[in-house]
Protein backbone atom coordinates (compact mmCIF):
# COMPACT_ATOMS: atom_id res chain seq x y z
CA MET A 1 -53.40 -50.10 0.78
CA SER A 2 -51.42 -46.96 1.46
CA LEU A 3 -51.78 -45.30 4.82
CA LYS A 4 -55.39 -44.92 5.62
CA TYR A 5 -54.87 -42.08 8.09
CA GLN A 6 -52.37 -39.55 7.96
CA GLN A 7 -51.33 -37.50 11.29
CA TYR A 8 -53.11 -33.89 10.95
CA PHE A 9 -50.26 -32.33 12.50
CA TYR A 10 -46.59 -32.95 12.21
CA SER A 11 -43.59 -30.89 12.62
CA ARG A 12 -44.26 -26.99 12.82
CA CYS A 13 -47.53 -27.87 14.59
CA ALA A 14 -46.15 -30.30 16.98
CA LEU A 15 -44.76 -27.71 19.44
CA ILE A 16 -48.14 -25.95 19.43
CA LEU A 17 -50.03 -29.38 20.20
CA LEU A 18 -47.36 -30.43 22.79
CA SER A 19 -48.33 -27.20 24.95
CA LEU A 20 -51.82 -27.46 24.51
CA SER A 21 -51.54 -31.00 25.74
CA PHE A 22 -50.25 -29.59 28.84
CA LEU A 23 -53.59 -27.99 29.33
CA LEU A 24 -55.22 -31.20 29.75
CA PRO A 25 -54.94 -32.10 33.37
CA SER A 26 -56.04 -28.52 34.36
CA SER A 27 -59.51 -28.33 32.21
CA SER A 28 -61.87 -25.44 32.51
CA MET A 29 -63.60 -24.86 35.83
CA ALA A 30 -66.77 -25.40 34.14
CA ALA A 31 -65.92 -28.98 33.37
CA ASP A 32 -68.01 -31.89 34.71
CA LEU A 33 -65.33 -33.22 37.07
CA SER A 34 -67.42 -36.42 37.90
CA VAL A 35 -67.21 -37.30 34.55
CA LYS A 36 -63.57 -36.96 34.29
CA GLN A 37 -63.30 -39.10 37.42
CA ALA A 38 -66.04 -41.96 36.43
CA ILE A 39 -63.73 -42.46 33.09
CA SER A 40 -60.53 -42.47 34.75
CA GLU A 41 -61.91 -45.19 37.54
CA HIS A 42 -63.43 -47.28 34.64
CA TYR A 43 -60.11 -46.84 32.91
CA ASP A 44 -57.99 -48.08 35.87
CA SER A 45 -60.35 -50.62 36.73
CA HIS A 46 -61.06 -52.20 33.37
CA LEU A 47 -60.33 -50.28 30.25
CA ALA A 48 -56.63 -50.44 30.77
CA GLU A 49 -56.86 -54.49 30.67
CA LEU A 50 -59.29 -54.45 27.83
CA PHE A 51 -56.75 -52.20 25.58
CA LEU A 52 -54.35 -54.80 26.28
CA TRP A 53 -56.54 -57.75 24.99
CA PHE A 54 -57.36 -56.06 21.98
CA HIS A 55 -53.75 -55.17 21.44
CA GLN A 56 -52.45 -58.78 21.75
CA ASN A 57 -55.55 -60.52 19.82
CA PRO A 58 -55.91 -58.62 16.52
CA GLU A 59 -57.62 -60.04 13.64
CA LEU A 60 -57.86 -59.34 10.03
CA GLY A 61 -60.94 -57.57 8.14
CA PHE A 62 -64.19 -59.87 8.18
CA LEU A 63 -62.05 -62.32 10.26
CA GLU A 64 -62.64 -60.55 13.54
CA GLN A 65 -64.35 -63.40 15.06
CA LYS A 66 -62.94 -63.22 18.73
CA THR A 67 -62.88 -59.54 18.33
CA ALA A 68 -66.32 -59.18 17.65
CA ALA A 69 -67.40 -61.80 20.31
CA ARG A 70 -65.36 -59.78 23.15
CA LEU A 71 -66.94 -56.41 22.05
CA ALA A 72 -70.30 -57.71 22.08
CA GLN A 73 -70.04 -59.25 25.29
CA GLU A 74 -68.63 -56.18 26.77
CA LEU A 75 -71.79 -54.26 25.65
CA ARG A 76 -73.93 -57.06 26.96
CA ASP A 77 -72.11 -57.01 30.11
CA LEU A 78 -73.29 -53.33 30.49
CA GLY A 79 -76.96 -54.38 29.79
CA ILE A 80 -77.30 -53.34 26.24
CA ASP A 81 -79.09 -55.08 23.56
CA VAL A 82 -76.80 -56.54 20.92
CA THR A 83 -77.09 -58.04 17.31
CA GLU A 84 -74.17 -59.88 15.99
CA GLY A 85 -73.42 -60.75 12.36
CA VAL A 86 -74.21 -57.67 10.71
CA GLY A 87 -72.11 -57.21 7.63
CA LYS A 88 -70.31 -60.49 8.10
CA THR A 89 -68.62 -59.96 11.43
CA GLY A 90 -70.40 -56.46 12.31
CA LEU A 91 -72.22 -55.80 15.34
CA VAL A 92 -74.78 -53.16 16.83
CA GLY A 93 -75.64 -52.59 20.24
CA MET A 94 -78.79 -50.61 20.90
CA ILE A 95 -79.50 -48.27 23.98
CA ARG A 96 -82.93 -46.89 23.91
CA ASN A 97 -83.53 -44.33 26.37
CA GLY A 98 -87.09 -42.65 25.61
CA PRO A 99 -88.04 -39.90 22.82
CA GLY A 100 -85.36 -38.15 21.22
CA PRO A 101 -82.58 -38.41 18.36
CA LEU A 102 -80.91 -41.42 17.05
CA ILE A 103 -77.34 -41.04 17.25
CA LEU A 104 -74.75 -43.87 15.71
CA VAL A 105 -71.24 -44.42 17.56
CA ARG A 106 -69.02 -46.10 15.71
CA THR A 107 -65.75 -48.19 16.16
CA ASP A 108 -63.69 -49.90 13.83
CA MET A 109 -62.45 -53.51 14.71
CA ASP A 110 -59.84 -54.94 12.40
CA GLY A 111 -56.03 -55.31 12.31
CA LEU A 112 -53.49 -55.16 9.71
CA PRO A 113 -51.05 -57.97 8.33
CA ILE A 114 -48.03 -56.90 10.06
CA LEU A 115 -45.49 -58.40 12.39
CA GLU A 116 -45.33 -55.97 15.26
CA GLU A 117 -41.91 -54.36 16.30
CA SER A 118 -42.72 -51.99 18.51
CA GLY A 119 -40.84 -53.25 21.39
CA LEU A 120 -43.56 -53.02 23.59
CA ALA A 121 -43.96 -55.92 26.51
CA TYR A 122 -47.47 -56.53 25.32
CA SER A 123 -46.62 -56.91 21.40
CA SER A 124 -49.10 -58.73 19.49
CA ARG A 125 -47.54 -62.26 18.62
CA ASN A 126 -51.24 -63.30 16.76
CA ARG A 127 -51.12 -64.92 13.32
CA GLN A 128 -54.11 -65.83 11.36
CA ILE A 129 -55.01 -67.18 7.95
CA ASN A 130 -56.26 -64.28 5.79
CA LEU A 131 -58.99 -64.42 3.12
CA ALA A 132 -56.63 -65.62 0.50
CA GLY A 133 -55.66 -68.59 2.46
CA ASP A 134 -52.23 -67.29 3.58
CA ASP A 135 -50.57 -67.34 6.99
CA THR A 136 -49.85 -63.76 8.37
CA PRO A 137 -48.90 -61.81 11.41
CA VAL A 138 -51.35 -59.45 12.61
CA MET A 139 -51.21 -56.19 14.48
CA HIS A 140 -53.30 -53.43 15.53
CA ALA A 141 -50.88 -50.88 13.61
CA CYS A 142 -53.49 -48.09 13.10
CA GLY A 143 -55.07 -47.72 16.53
CA HIS A 144 -58.24 -49.68 16.52
CA ASP A 145 -57.42 -51.37 19.65
CA MET A 146 -57.99 -47.90 21.24
CA HIS A 147 -60.92 -47.28 19.43
CA MET A 148 -62.73 -50.28 20.57
CA THR A 149 -61.71 -49.59 24.28
CA THR A 150 -62.88 -46.03 23.76
CA PHE A 151 -66.22 -47.38 22.67
CA VAL A 152 -66.83 -49.58 25.54
CA GLY A 153 -66.00 -46.76 27.97
CA THR A 154 -68.43 -44.56 26.05
CA ALA A 155 -70.77 -47.15 26.19
CA LYS A 156 -70.67 -47.61 29.98
CA MET A 157 -70.75 -43.45 30.51
CA LEU A 158 -74.05 -43.51 28.33
CA MET A 159 -75.83 -46.35 30.34
CA ASP A 160 -74.34 -44.78 33.60
CA ASN A 161 -75.95 -41.76 33.07
CA ARG A 162 -79.20 -42.21 31.41
CA ASP A 163 -80.91 -39.48 33.54
CA LYS A 164 -78.87 -37.11 31.64
CA TRP A 165 -80.05 -37.69 27.90
CA SER A 166 -83.03 -39.07 26.02
CA GLY A 167 -83.24 -40.83 22.88
CA THR A 168 -81.32 -43.84 21.24
CA VAL A 169 -77.81 -44.69 20.73
CA MET A 170 -76.72 -47.12 17.94
CA LEU A 171 -73.22 -48.43 18.81
CA VAL A 172 -71.90 -49.98 15.43
CA GLY A 173 -68.90 -52.37 15.86
CA GLN A 174 -67.53 -52.02 12.21
CA PRO A 175 -65.36 -54.94 10.32
CA ALA A 176 -62.75 -54.48 7.57
CA GLU A 177 -62.16 -50.77 7.86
CA GLU A 178 -58.53 -51.44 6.67
CA ILE A 179 -59.83 -52.73 3.46
CA ILE A 180 -62.35 -50.16 3.31
CA ASN A 181 -65.38 -52.66 2.89
CA GLY A 182 -66.79 -52.90 6.38
CA ALA A 183 -69.10 -49.94 6.50
CA LYS A 184 -70.55 -50.56 3.06
CA ALA A 185 -70.97 -54.23 3.99
CA MET A 186 -73.22 -53.35 7.10
CA LEU A 187 -75.10 -50.81 5.10
CA GLU A 188 -75.92 -53.33 2.54
CA ASP A 189 -77.00 -55.89 5.24
CA GLY A 190 -79.62 -53.47 6.09
CA LEU A 191 -78.32 -51.53 8.93
CA TYR A 192 -80.36 -48.34 8.64
CA GLU A 193 -83.12 -50.40 7.67
CA ARG A 194 -83.24 -52.82 10.64
CA PHE A 195 -81.90 -50.36 13.29
CA GLY A 196 -83.20 -46.80 11.82
CA VAL A 197 -81.65 -43.88 9.90
CA PRO A 198 -79.54 -41.89 12.77
CA ASP A 199 -80.05 -38.37 13.05
CA TYR A 200 -76.26 -37.92 13.57
CA ALA A 201 -73.18 -40.25 13.26
CA ILE A 202 -70.29 -39.78 15.51
CA GLY A 203 -66.56 -41.29 15.05
CA LEU A 204 -62.97 -41.33 15.97
CA HIS A 205 -59.34 -41.87 15.25
CA VAL A 206 -56.31 -41.97 17.21
CA SER A 207 -53.40 -39.97 15.72
CA SER A 208 -49.58 -40.65 15.92
CA GLY A 209 -47.63 -37.51 15.87
CA MET A 210 -50.13 -35.93 17.98
CA PRO A 211 -49.63 -35.12 21.72
CA SER A 212 -51.76 -38.11 23.83
CA GLY A 213 -54.90 -37.18 24.95
CA LEU A 214 -55.27 -34.00 22.88
CA VAL A 215 -58.53 -33.69 20.73
CA ALA A 216 -58.97 -32.10 17.77
CA VAL A 217 -61.59 -31.72 14.92
CA ARG A 218 -62.21 -30.01 11.57
CA GLU A 219 -65.09 -28.67 9.61
CA GLY A 220 -65.46 -29.91 5.92
CA ILE A 221 -63.54 -32.60 4.33
CA VAL A 222 -61.46 -34.61 6.98
CA GLN A 223 -60.66 -37.57 4.87
CA SER A 224 -59.93 -37.80 1.26
CA SER A 225 -61.89 -40.92 -1.09
CA ALA A 226 -60.03 -43.78 -1.51
CA ASP A 227 -59.98 -46.17 -4.56
CA SER A 228 -58.07 -49.40 -5.15
CA VAL A 229 -57.54 -50.03 -8.90
CA ASP A 230 -56.03 -53.30 -10.33
CA ILE A 231 -54.96 -53.23 -13.90
CA LYS A 232 -53.92 -56.28 -15.73
CA VAL A 233 -51.47 -55.29 -18.78
CA ARG A 234 -51.38 -58.06 -21.22
CA GLY A 235 -48.85 -58.67 -24.06
CA ILE A 236 -47.67 -61.11 -26.49
CA GLY A 237 -44.72 -62.84 -24.80
CA GLY A 238 -41.45 -64.69 -26.35
CA HIS A 239 -37.70 -65.02 -26.29
CA GLY A 240 -36.13 -61.81 -24.67
CA ALA A 241 -33.46 -61.86 -27.71
CA TYR A 242 -36.45 -61.30 -30.07
CA PRO A 243 -38.20 -58.50 -28.67
CA HIS A 244 -39.44 -57.29 -31.97
CA GLN A 245 -41.54 -60.69 -32.18
CA THR A 246 -43.49 -59.46 -29.21
CA ILE A 247 -45.28 -56.91 -27.39
CA ASP A 248 -43.35 -56.35 -24.13
CA PRO A 249 -46.11 -56.06 -21.16
CA ILE A 250 -43.44 -55.00 -18.89
CA TYR A 251 -42.44 -51.93 -21.39
CA VAL A 252 -45.96 -51.28 -21.94
CA ALA A 253 -46.63 -51.06 -18.15
CA SER A 254 -43.52 -49.01 -17.72
CA GLN A 255 -45.11 -46.22 -19.97
CA LEU A 256 -48.37 -46.50 -18.35
CA VAL A 257 -46.84 -45.70 -14.80
CA ILE A 258 -45.52 -42.76 -16.10
CA ALA A 259 -48.70 -41.64 -18.09
CA LEU A 260 -50.63 -42.32 -15.15
CA GLN A 261 -48.74 -39.30 -13.28
CA GLY A 262 -49.73 -37.23 -15.93
CA ILE A 263 -53.48 -37.47 -15.22
CA VAL A 264 -52.82 -35.73 -12.10
CA SER A 265 -50.43 -32.89 -13.18
CA ARG A 266 -51.76 -32.19 -16.97
CA GLN A 267 -55.56 -33.51 -16.71
CA ILE A 268 -56.54 -32.32 -13.25
CA ASN A 269 -57.36 -28.53 -11.72
CA PRO A 270 -53.94 -27.64 -9.68
CA LEU A 271 -56.34 -26.79 -7.15
CA SER A 272 -58.25 -29.85 -6.74
CA PRO A 273 -55.96 -32.34 -4.92
CA ALA A 274 -55.50 -35.79 -6.53
CA VAL A 275 -52.96 -38.74 -5.82
CA ILE A 276 -52.40 -41.52 -7.93
CA THR A 277 -49.72 -44.01 -6.43
CA VAL A 278 -48.59 -47.42 -7.85
CA GLY A 279 -47.98 -49.35 -5.12
CA SER A 280 -47.20 -52.65 -6.62
CA PHE A 281 -45.63 -53.76 -9.99
CA HIS A 282 -45.30 -57.72 -10.75
CA GLY A 283 -44.75 -59.16 -13.98
CA GLY A 284 -41.97 -61.62 -15.62
CA SER A 285 -40.26 -64.97 -14.64
CA LYS A 286 -36.92 -65.20 -15.85
CA HIS A 287 -34.30 -62.82 -17.58
CA ASN A 288 -34.64 -63.73 -21.03
CA ILE A 289 -38.51 -64.30 -21.24
CA ILE A 290 -40.80 -61.68 -22.47
CA SER A 291 -43.77 -62.39 -20.37
CA ASN A 292 -47.77 -62.46 -21.31
CA GLU A 293 -48.71 -59.98 -18.39
CA VAL A 294 -47.77 -57.73 -15.84
CA ASN A 295 -50.19 -56.61 -12.80
CA LEU A 296 -50.30 -53.28 -11.33
CA GLN A 297 -52.21 -52.29 -8.21
CA LEU A 298 -52.97 -48.55 -7.52
CA THR A 299 -54.25 -46.37 -4.84
CA VAL A 300 -56.52 -43.23 -5.83
CA ARG A 301 -57.33 -40.03 -3.64
CA THR A 302 -59.29 -37.24 -4.26
CA ASP A 303 -61.01 -34.63 -2.30
CA SER A 304 -64.19 -34.12 -4.51
CA GLU A 305 -66.52 -36.63 -6.28
CA ALA A 306 -66.00 -34.63 -9.51
CA THR A 307 -62.23 -35.06 -9.33
CA ARG A 308 -62.81 -38.73 -8.28
CA THR A 309 -65.11 -39.41 -11.52
CA GLN A 310 -62.47 -37.53 -13.67
CA VAL A 311 -59.44 -39.47 -12.40
CA LEU A 312 -60.99 -42.98 -12.28
CA GLY A 313 -62.27 -42.41 -15.83
CA SER A 314 -58.82 -40.91 -17.11
CA ILE A 315 -57.27 -44.17 -15.95
CA ARG A 316 -59.51 -46.31 -17.80
CA ASP A 317 -58.84 -44.33 -20.80
CA THR A 318 -55.12 -44.20 -20.32
CA ALA A 319 -54.70 -47.54 -19.83
CA ALA A 320 -56.45 -48.49 -23.41
CA ASN A 321 -55.08 -45.75 -25.21
CA ILE A 322 -51.22 -46.83 -23.86
CA GLY A 323 -52.19 -50.35 -25.11
CA ARG A 324 -53.08 -49.20 -28.62
CA LEU A 325 -49.89 -47.01 -28.80
CA ASN A 326 -47.77 -50.28 -28.45
CA GLY A 327 -49.96 -52.16 -31.12
CA LEU A 328 -52.25 -54.22 -28.69
CA PRO A 329 -55.44 -55.49 -30.37
CA ASP A 330 -58.73 -54.55 -28.69
CA ASP A 331 -59.16 -58.22 -27.27
CA LEU A 332 -55.31 -57.53 -25.45
CA LEU A 333 -55.89 -54.22 -23.94
CA PRO A 334 -55.33 -53.62 -20.43
CA ILE A 335 -58.16 -54.79 -18.08
CA VAL A 336 -58.89 -52.25 -15.27
CA ALA A 337 -60.84 -53.17 -12.20
CA MET A 338 -62.26 -50.78 -9.59
CA GLY A 339 -64.80 -50.58 -7.08
CA PHE A 340 -63.96 -53.56 -4.90
CA GLU A 341 -62.33 -51.31 -2.50
CA SER A 342 -63.42 -47.67 -2.26
CA THR A 343 -64.68 -45.06 -0.09
CA PRO A 344 -65.90 -41.57 -0.77
CA THR A 345 -64.65 -38.52 0.82
CA ASN A 346 -65.17 -38.16 4.65
CA VAL A 347 -66.77 -34.88 5.25
CA ASN A 348 -67.52 -33.36 8.85
CA ASP A 349 -71.11 -31.51 9.07
CA SER A 350 -70.37 -27.81 9.91
CA ASP A 351 -73.56 -27.38 11.64
CA ALA A 352 -72.82 -30.83 13.76
CA VAL A 353 -69.30 -29.73 14.59
CA GLN A 354 -70.42 -26.23 15.94
CA LYS A 355 -72.99 -27.69 18.01
CA VAL A 356 -70.50 -30.29 19.72
CA LEU A 357 -67.83 -27.42 19.97
CA PRO A 358 -69.31 -25.56 22.93
CA ALA A 359 -69.79 -28.79 24.74
CA TRP A 360 -66.27 -30.01 24.23
CA GLU A 361 -64.78 -26.48 25.05
CA GLN A 362 -66.39 -26.67 28.39
CA GLN A 363 -65.61 -30.27 29.18
CA LEU A 364 -61.91 -30.63 27.67
CA GLY A 365 -60.92 -26.84 28.76
CA TYR A 366 -59.95 -25.58 25.14
CA ASN A 367 -61.31 -25.25 21.54
CA PRO A 368 -60.35 -28.40 19.61
CA LEU A 369 -61.47 -26.91 16.48
CA ILE A 370 -58.66 -26.81 13.97
CA THR A 371 -58.52 -24.45 10.79
CA SER A 372 -55.01 -25.28 9.35
CA ALA A 373 -54.69 -27.06 6.38
CA ARG A 374 -54.98 -31.05 6.13
CA THR A 375 -51.26 -32.47 5.68
CA GLY A 376 -52.19 -35.70 3.82
CA MET A 377 -54.85 -37.79 2.01
CA GLY A 378 -55.70 -40.42 4.19
CA ALA A 379 -59.36 -42.03 3.93
CA GLU A 380 -61.69 -43.24 6.24
CA ASP A 381 -64.75 -45.33 5.16
CA PHE A 382 -66.63 -43.90 8.35
CA ALA A 383 -67.69 -41.80 5.24
CA TYR A 384 -70.34 -44.43 4.21
CA PHE A 385 -72.40 -43.72 7.13
CA THR A 386 -72.87 -40.08 6.19
CA GLN A 387 -72.63 -39.90 2.54
CA THR A 388 -75.39 -41.81 2.10
CA GLU A 389 -79.11 -40.94 0.17
CA HIS A 390 -79.93 -39.99 3.90
CA ASP A 391 -77.16 -37.40 4.40
CA VAL A 392 -76.51 -38.12 8.05
CA PRO A 393 -74.59 -35.21 9.61
CA GLY A 394 -71.10 -36.60 10.87
CA VAL A 395 -68.54 -35.49 13.37
CA PHE A 396 -65.38 -37.40 13.07
CA PHE A 397 -62.47 -36.31 15.25
CA SER A 398 -58.91 -37.21 16.40
CA VAL A 399 -57.24 -38.07 19.63
CA GLY A 400 -53.76 -37.73 19.88
CA GLY A 401 -51.84 -40.68 21.12
CA THR A 402 -48.31 -40.08 21.23
CA PRO A 403 -46.78 -40.80 24.50
CA PRO A 404 -45.28 -37.50 26.41
CA ASP A 405 -41.87 -38.42 26.50
CA LEU A 406 -42.04 -39.49 22.89
CA MET A 407 -43.56 -36.16 22.00
CA ARG A 408 -40.77 -34.45 23.35
CA GLU A 409 -38.36 -36.06 21.76
CA ILE A 410 -40.17 -35.24 18.65
CA VAL A 411 -40.32 -31.79 19.07
CA ALA A 412 -36.63 -31.53 19.98
CA GLY A 413 -36.38 -33.20 16.45
CA ASN A 414 -34.37 -36.26 17.91
CA THR A 415 -37.09 -38.68 16.45
CA SER A 416 -40.08 -39.07 14.15
CA ALA A 417 -43.59 -40.37 15.13
CA PRO A 418 -44.24 -44.06 14.68
CA PRO A 419 -46.21 -44.07 11.41
CA HIS A 420 -49.51 -45.46 11.20
CA HIS A 421 -49.51 -49.08 9.23
CA SER A 422 -46.12 -49.40 10.16
CA ALA A 423 -44.50 -52.35 12.37
CA ILE A 424 -43.25 -50.05 14.83
CA PHE A 425 -46.57 -48.16 15.56
CA LEU A 426 -47.72 -47.52 18.90
CA ILE A 427 -49.79 -45.24 21.17
CA ASP A 428 -50.07 -44.23 24.57
CA PRO A 429 -53.27 -46.33 26.02
CA ASN A 430 -53.95 -43.41 28.26
CA SER A 431 -55.29 -41.67 25.07
CA VAL A 432 -58.52 -43.90 25.61
CA LYS A 433 -59.39 -41.45 28.39
CA ALA A 434 -59.43 -38.47 26.41
CA GLY A 435 -61.45 -40.56 23.66
CA VAL A 436 -64.16 -41.42 26.02
CA GLU A 437 -64.78 -38.10 27.26
CA ALA A 438 -64.67 -36.51 23.84
CA MET A 439 -67.17 -38.92 22.22
CA TYR A 440 -69.50 -39.30 25.47
CA THR A 441 -69.80 -35.39 25.52
CA ALA A 442 -70.33 -35.20 21.76
CA ALA A 443 -73.00 -37.68 22.08
CA ILE A 444 -74.60 -36.42 25.15
CA GLU A 445 -74.81 -32.70 23.30
CA LEU A 446 -76.56 -34.08 20.02
CA LEU A 447 -78.81 -36.13 22.06
CA ASN A 448 -79.86 -32.94 24.17
CA ASN A 449 -79.68 -30.61 21.22
CA PRO A 450 -80.59 -32.18 17.75
């Protein structure tokens, strides 16, 4: 799967963001300094160690047994009622604190099948048998270790400050975000029927290329929809010296790859963003053999459901028509599979964002709203918690994770940020403190001012 989460800001924005990050230690005089102190003390006494444990013990989607058990125990140690096994390896913790709204606070838990080469002393050396039965290295190459640690810190702040809010908090530990299946699995397992439909949902993502500890949010579309598509291109095989006796699936698939790009460039409105990337092309076995099939793997990104429907429909039509163009009978036309890994667009509710912004500005010392254009089409299945028939208002925000020294080198043009989903990905563990502060502040505000 392509990078699911792109840095919001890079190159031109980096200098501005870096200068803003220097404001973090000297937040607004109206900030609740006791919140900052409590978070810092909890980080020093427990969260720093917890981050290292999560980082060194990553597990793959729907295989997060140890991870989920540790996360559940952390919540139970705080006195929170926890239900495990929701959506396979997911978990739900409930904090009930009198009358008021129900707020969903979510973290994702899974890692990626990557051998870590970050150079960190605490690098992951974990391996795991994946769902296909293959032995693979595993790494938190997208910051879910930071997300879980922030989640625990937020839970403690909510428990320690129950005199400051009223309502119910649903703490969701979600599996399998990297294969964009975990949120859907939890909902299909009756998440909202069993625990209630939330009035608001809150989530975050750490961002490489953004200064450590800086919080940023935007209104409207935050991440694009994502759909994985598999295409089996069939043919009629034979000897490489007699191509006229065959229908070569490699040739057909090559034409299809080119034709797929024409969907975006010639069928979709240029003002409606869309991406079709063929990430895998597998076929053939020997120099002089024309094979019987080729397998393609695609990722598709769009920013609206209308465009998404059009693009996916065009992929089906294009695959069939390229097959017919090359003389394939109907029973050998390409087989297109989709819907097994997918998520709708992740859209922030403007009213909810505007409710949280004043509280963030007061506590953080700056306004984190970003109005510049997005720089990529990453995806995030947090969207499933909001884009339901219940239309739950969502607030999904970013926390910078690039260490200060590295950020200075990036701004100077001497290096680039370690990309998400790469073997060299790394983040500053101290970013957890800003994550807790922002998550807790947002939750309190929505609980007290629904």
